[in-house]
Protein backbone atom coordinates (compact mmCIF):
# COMPACT_ATOMS: atom_id res chain seq x y z
CA UNK A 1 88.39 -5.79 7.27
CA UNK A 2 86.08 -4.47 4.57
CA UNK A 3 87.30 -0.92 5.32
CA UNK A 4 90.95 -2.03 4.84
CA UNK A 5 90.08 -3.56 1.46
CA UNK A 6 88.31 -0.37 0.40
CA UNK A 7 91.31 1.74 1.49
CA UNK A 8 93.70 -0.54 -0.45
CA UNK A 9 91.55 -0.22 -3.58
CA UNK A 10 91.40 3.56 -3.19
CA UNK A 11 95.20 3.70 -2.69
CA UNK A 12 95.76 1.56 -5.78
CA UNK A 13 93.35 3.69 -7.78
CA UNK A 14 95.09 6.89 -6.68
CA UNK A 15 98.49 5.44 -7.56
CA UNK A 16 97.22 4.40 -10.98
CA UNK A 17 95.79 7.88 -11.65
CA UNK A 18 99.04 9.45 -10.47
CA UNK A 19 101.14 7.22 -12.74
CA UNK A 20 98.88 7.87 -15.72
CA UNK A 21 98.95 11.61 -15.01
CA UNK A 22 102.72 11.69 -14.73
CA UNK A 23 103.07 9.63 -17.91
CA UNK A 24 100.79 12.00 -19.83
CA UNK A 25 102.63 15.03 -18.44
CA UNK A 26 106.03 13.54 -19.35
CA UNK A 27 104.91 12.72 -22.88
CA UNK A 28 103.52 16.23 -23.29
CA UNK A 29 106.74 17.85 -22.03
CA UNK A 30 109.01 15.61 -24.12
CA UNK A 31 106.85 16.14 -27.18
CA UNK A 32 107.11 19.89 -26.69
CA UNK A 33 110.88 19.68 -26.36
CA UNK A 34 111.10 17.55 -29.50
CA UNK A 35 108.94 20.02 -31.42
CA UNK A 36 111.06 22.93 -30.17
CA UNK A 37 114.24 21.09 -31.22
CA UNK A 38 112.71 20.35 -34.63
CA UNK A 39 111.69 24.00 -35.02
CA UNK A 40 115.24 25.12 -34.18
CA UNK A 41 116.66 22.56 -36.63
CA UNK A 42 114.27 23.75 -39.36
CA UNK A 43 115.18 27.39 -38.65
CA UNK A 44 118.90 26.54 -38.84
CA UNK A 45 118.35 24.77 -42.16
CA UNK A 46 116.34 27.71 -43.51
CA UNK A 47 119.07 30.19 -42.55
CA UNK A 48 121.76 27.94 -44.00
CA UNK A 49 119.77 27.53 -47.23
CA UNK A 50 119.61 31.34 -47.58
CA UNK A 51 123.38 31.66 -47.09
CA UNK A 52 124.54 28.77 -49.31
CA UNK A 53 124.22 30.59 -52.66
CA UNK A 54 127.03 32.93 -51.56
CA UNK A 55 129.44 29.96 -51.49
CA UNK A 56 131.48 29.86 -54.67
CA UNK A 57 133.40 26.78 -53.51
CA UNK A 58 131.93 23.28 -53.33
CA UNK A 59 132.31 21.02 -50.32
CA UNK A 60 134.59 18.79 -52.41
CA UNK A 61 136.84 21.75 -53.23
CA UNK A 62 136.95 22.67 -49.55
CA UNK A 63 137.95 19.12 -48.61
CA UNK A 64 140.72 19.22 -51.22
CA UNK A 65 141.99 22.63 -50.04
CA UNK A 66 142.16 21.44 -46.42
CA UNK A 67 144.30 18.41 -47.34
CA UNK A 68 147.50 20.43 -46.87
CA UNK A 69 146.68 20.40 -43.14
CA UNK A 70 146.08 16.63 -43.03
CA UNK A 71 143.60 14.02 -44.23
CA UNK A 72 140.05 15.41 -44.30
CA UNK A 73 137.80 13.41 -41.96
CA UNK A 74 134.62 15.53 -42.17
CA UNK A 75 133.38 18.79 -43.60
CA UNK A 76 130.39 21.06 -43.49
CA UNK A 77 128.98 24.41 -44.42
CA UNK A 78 127.64 26.06 -41.29
CA UNK A 79 126.63 29.41 -39.91
CA UNK A 80 129.09 30.79 -37.39
CA UNK A 81 127.85 33.96 -35.72
CA UNK A 82 125.42 34.42 -38.61
CA UNK A 83 128.07 34.09 -41.32
CA UNK A 84 128.55 31.19 -43.71
CA UNK A 85 131.65 29.14 -43.03
CA UNK A 86 133.17 26.00 -44.58
CA UNK A 87 134.72 23.92 -41.79
CA UNK A 88 136.77 20.77 -42.35
CA UNK A 89 138.20 18.49 -39.69
CA UNK A 90 141.54 16.94 -40.61
CA UNK A 91 143.87 14.41 -39.03
CA UNK A 92 147.63 14.18 -39.21
CA UNK A 93 148.99 11.39 -37.04
CA UNK A 94 147.32 11.76 -33.65
CA UNK A 95 146.59 15.47 -34.16
CA UNK A 96 143.23 16.83 -35.26
CA UNK A 97 142.66 20.28 -36.73
CA UNK A 98 139.70 22.35 -37.76
CA UNK A 99 140.43 24.02 -41.07
CA UNK A 100 138.33 26.98 -42.16
CA UNK A 101 138.23 27.28 -45.93
CA UNK A 102 137.17 30.60 -47.45
CA UNK A 103 133.91 29.69 -49.18
CA UNK A 104 134.42 32.32 -51.88
CA UNK A 105 138.06 31.66 -52.84
CA UNK A 106 138.75 28.07 -51.76
CA UNK A 107 141.85 29.15 -49.83
CA UNK A 108 142.57 28.00 -46.29
CA UNK A 109 141.65 30.94 -44.05
CA UNK A 110 142.88 29.36 -40.81
CA UNK A 111 143.71 26.04 -39.21
CA UNK A 112 143.54 25.38 -35.49
CA UNK A 113 144.33 22.33 -33.46
CA UNK A 114 141.18 20.78 -31.96
CA UNK A 115 141.30 20.80 -28.16
CA UNK A 116 137.62 20.98 -27.12
CA UNK A 117 136.59 17.63 -25.55
CA UNK A 118 133.35 17.34 -27.55
CA UNK A 119 135.10 18.17 -30.84
CA UNK A 120 137.94 15.75 -30.01
CA UNK A 121 135.42 12.97 -29.37
CA UNK A 122 133.75 13.65 -32.73
CA UNK A 123 137.10 13.74 -34.54
CA UNK A 124 138.20 10.49 -32.87
CA UNK A 125 135.01 8.73 -34.01
CA UNK A 126 135.47 10.13 -37.52
CA UNK A 127 139.07 8.89 -37.59
CA UNK A 128 137.86 5.40 -36.60
CA UNK A 129 135.58 5.34 -39.63
CA UNK A 130 138.19 6.83 -41.97
CA UNK A 131 140.81 4.22 -41.02
CA UNK A 132 138.51 1.63 -42.66
CA UNK A 133 137.81 3.82 -45.71
CA UNK A 134 139.11 2.83 -49.10
CA UNK A 135 137.72 5.98 -50.74
CA UNK A 136 138.27 9.62 -49.88
CA UNK A 137 135.50 11.89 -48.69
CA UNK A 138 135.92 13.90 -51.90
CA UNK A 139 135.21 10.80 -54.00
CA UNK A 140 132.03 9.84 -52.15
CA UNK A 141 130.75 13.43 -52.05
CA UNK A 142 131.26 13.73 -55.81
CA UNK A 143 129.41 10.43 -56.32
CA UNK A 144 126.46 11.60 -54.20
CA UNK A 145 126.23 14.93 -56.05
CA UNK A 146 126.34 13.15 -59.43
CA UNK A 147 123.64 10.70 -58.30
CA UNK A 148 121.39 13.59 -57.20
CA UNK A 149 121.58 16.06 -60.07
CA UNK A 150 121.11 19.70 -59.15
CA UNK A 151 121.82 19.18 -55.46
CA UNK A 152 124.71 20.68 -53.54
CA UNK A 153 126.68 18.84 -50.85
CA UNK A 154 126.39 20.66 -47.53
CA UNK A 155 128.15 18.25 -45.17
CA UNK A 156 129.87 14.89 -44.97
CA UNK A 157 130.51 12.87 -41.84
CA UNK A 158 132.01 9.38 -41.78
CA UNK A 159 130.62 6.80 -39.40
CA UNK A 160 130.83 3.11 -38.64
CA UNK A 161 127.67 1.12 -39.32
CA UNK A 162 128.55 -2.13 -37.65
CA UNK A 163 131.99 -2.83 -39.04
CA UNK A 164 131.43 -0.92 -42.30
CA UNK A 165 132.57 2.65 -42.89
CA UNK A 166 130.00 4.92 -44.52
CA UNK A 167 129.74 8.62 -45.22
CA UNK A 168 126.56 10.47 -44.26
CA UNK A 169 126.21 13.24 -46.84
CA UNK A 170 123.67 16.03 -46.53
CA UNK A 171 122.56 17.53 -49.83
CA UNK A 172 120.50 20.65 -50.49
CA UNK A 173 118.47 22.13 -53.31
CA UNK A 174 116.07 25.08 -53.18
CA UNK A 175 116.00 25.06 -49.37
CA UNK A 176 115.23 21.34 -49.10
CA UNK A 177 117.72 19.03 -47.40
CA UNK A 178 118.24 15.29 -47.60
CA UNK A 179 120.85 12.92 -46.22
CA UNK A 180 122.26 9.95 -48.12
CA UNK A 181 124.74 7.26 -47.10
CA UNK A 182 127.62 6.25 -49.33
CA UNK A 183 129.96 3.35 -48.56
CA UNK A 184 133.56 4.34 -47.89
CA UNK A 185 134.90 0.82 -48.40
């Protein structure tokens, strides 16, 4: 009987050590993945910050230029294959398009219907927020830039916070980035 009790205690002790070991290992692996993701994010921001000065067009101007293709529902400067690009999602009825605006001239370079499932899901969520908006993205981006003198708007994405529509606006200055929320209602 005493031997059975000792074996049960040893089994419980081994299980406890195993659980603790697996927990520590999981935390270590997840922490490493999070650091790697943060490093990649920081690298992307650094590369984008280097490219942004070549943009002669503001995000607001890009949103306005894309309006001929539909209502702008988001916009961002991004690096596509190492080159700076100004991309705006628009909606017209039930159709979504990605509009590429030339960041040096402000002219629409191309517009393509969005068909990728992930992009369609993002556009659908953005439309849900914009249907509650009482202000345009251009208006809230201009307000954010004016409130943060010297900063440049890099992206704007509408979202629903509860039942309220807000715009998440990323601003940049001298390689530093910050995100602010502006109400759309």
